[in-house]
Amino acid sequence: MDDWPTLSDALTAILRTSLPEATEAVKWNAPSYAIEGQHLVTLMRPKNGGARVVLHRDAKAVDTKTGTRLLAIADPRLIWATDQRAQIAFATAAEVEASADWLAALVRDWVRAVRG
């Protein structure tokens, strides 16, 4: 079963509501959200199913490698690839629904942290 349409629709609804100032576009073959032209949140469709929300600083950002994460959040749902890029994996629509408020607050915090 392809769960991407359901997960993508649920995540898109959360992102549109929490980031009303964002411009939605397809970037890197996926829905991506930009603030003033800077892409900061992108959905990803993993080959093994589910969906991921990627928090980043656009394509040209360089990781600082300071060891200090952009957000000081210790939550096992947030997987840090670098100190400037993280992602959240969702396997089911129920996980998205259960995390909706947390995810909405997280993406707003991410945008504030990046935009400074």
Protein backbone atom coordinates (compact mmCIF):
# COMPACT_ATOMS: atom_id res chain seq x y z
CA MET A 1 0.00 0.00 0.00
CA ASP A 2 1.27 3.47 -0.89
CA ASP A 3 0.85 5.63 2.21
CA TRP A 4 2.58 8.69 0.70
CA PRO A 5 -0.60 10.48 -0.49
CA THR A 6 -2.25 10.28 2.93
CA LEU A 7 0.89 11.25 4.83
CA SER A 8 1.79 14.01 2.39
CA ASP A 9 -1.71 15.50 2.57
CA ALA A 10 -1.70 15.44 6.39
CA LEU A 11 1.78 16.96 6.66
CA THR A 12 1.03 19.58 4.01
CA ALA A 13 -2.06 20.68 5.93
CA ILE A 14 0.01 21.12 9.11
CA LEU A 15 2.76 23.03 7.30
CA ARG A 16 0.35 25.32 5.46
CA THR A 17 -1.41 26.19 8.72
CA SER A 18 1.73 26.67 10.80
CA LEU A 19 3.65 28.59 8.13
CA PRO A 20 1.02 30.73 6.36
CA GLU A 21 3.75 33.11 5.13
CA ALA A 22 5.57 30.30 3.32
CA THR A 23 5.55 29.79 -0.41
CA GLU A 24 4.94 26.18 -1.38
CA ALA A 25 6.80 24.77 -4.36
CA VAL A 26 8.22 21.52 -5.65
CA LYS A 27 11.93 21.45 -4.89
CA TRP A 28 14.11 18.36 -4.96
CA ASN A 29 11.07 16.49 -6.38
CA ALA A 30 9.07 17.11 -3.22
CA PRO A 31 6.81 19.71 -1.60
CA SER A 32 9.02 22.39 -0.09
CA TYR A 33 8.26 25.54 1.90
CA ALA A 34 10.20 28.77 1.50
CA ILE A 35 10.16 32.01 3.45
CA GLU A 36 11.25 34.98 1.33
CA GLY A 37 12.79 32.60 -1.21
CA GLN A 38 14.72 30.51 1.32
CA HIS A 39 13.57 26.87 1.46
CA LEU A 40 13.51 25.74 5.07
CA VAL A 41 11.12 22.77 5.29
CA THR A 42 10.81 19.99 2.73
CA LEU A 43 8.83 16.76 2.65
CA MET A 44 10.67 13.64 1.61
CA ARG A 45 9.32 10.33 0.35
CA PRO A 46 11.64 7.56 1.57
CA LYS A 47 11.94 4.51 -0.67
CA ASN A 48 10.95 2.23 2.20
CA GLY A 49 7.65 4.05 2.82
CA GLY A 50 6.38 6.67 5.17
CA ALA A 51 7.24 10.34 4.96
CA ARG A 52 9.84 12.67 6.42
CA VAL A 53 9.84 16.34 7.21
CA VAL A 54 13.30 17.77 6.61
CA LEU A 55 14.29 20.96 8.43
CA HIS A 56 17.17 22.68 6.68
CA ARG A 57 18.65 26.05 5.70
CA ASP A 58 18.20 25.88 1.90
CA ALA A 59 20.51 24.31 -0.66
CA LYS A 60 23.48 26.65 -0.33
CA ALA A 61 23.76 26.61 3.46
CA VAL A 62 27.00 25.28 4.87
CA ASP A 63 26.94 23.24 8.06
CA THR A 64 28.77 25.03 10.85
CA LYS A 65 30.07 21.85 12.51
CA THR A 66 30.16 23.62 15.86
CA GLY A 67 28.35 20.81 17.65
CA THR A 68 25.67 23.28 18.70
CA ARG A 69 22.35 22.42 17.14
CA LEU A 70 20.24 25.17 15.66
CA LEU A 71 17.45 24.21 18.07
CA ALA A 72 18.18 22.96 21.57
CA ILE A 73 15.46 20.33 21.53
CA ALA A 74 16.04 16.86 22.94
CA ASP A 75 13.25 14.80 21.43
CA PRO A 76 13.78 11.32 20.00
CA ARG A 77 11.43 12.12 17.09
CA LEU A 78 13.91 14.72 15.85
CA ILE A 79 16.85 13.10 14.04
CA TRP A 80 19.81 15.44 13.52
CA ALA A 81 21.87 14.84 10.38
CA THR A 82 24.10 17.80 11.24
CA ASP A 83 23.89 20.70 13.66
CA GLN A 84 21.99 22.66 10.98
CA ARG A 85 19.71 19.96 9.49
CA ALA A 86 17.21 17.60 11.08
CA GLN A 87 14.32 15.39 10.09
CA ILE A 88 11.24 13.76 11.52
CA ALA A 89 10.03 10.40 10.19
CA PHE A 90 6.38 9.38 10.08
CA ALA A 91 5.20 5.87 9.25
CA THR A 92 1.45 6.33 9.68
CA ALA A 93 -1.24 8.97 9.53
CA ALA A 94 -1.91 8.27 13.22
CA GLU A 95 1.68 9.33 14.03
CA VAL A 96 1.21 12.54 12.06
CA GLU A 97 -2.07 13.27 13.86
CA ALA A 98 -0.57 12.55 17.29
CA SER A 99 2.39 14.85 16.53
CA ALA A 100 0.49 17.66 14.78
CA ASP A 101 0.73 20.31 17.52
CA TRP A 102 4.36 19.44 18.27
CA LEU A 103 5.30 19.55 14.58
CA ALA A 104 3.52 22.88 14.03
CA ALA A 105 5.41 24.46 16.94
CA LEU A 106 8.68 22.87 15.82
CA VAL A 107 8.54 24.24 12.28
CA ARG A 108 7.68 27.73 13.58
CA ASP A 109 10.65 27.52 15.99
CA TRP A 110 12.87 26.30 13.13
CA VAL A 111 11.93 29.24 10.91
CA ARG A 112 12.53 31.71 13.76
CA ALA A 113 15.94 30.16 14.50
CA VAL A 114 17.06 30.17 10.86
CA ARG A 115 15.72 33.61 10.07
CA GLY A 116 17.17 34.93 13.32
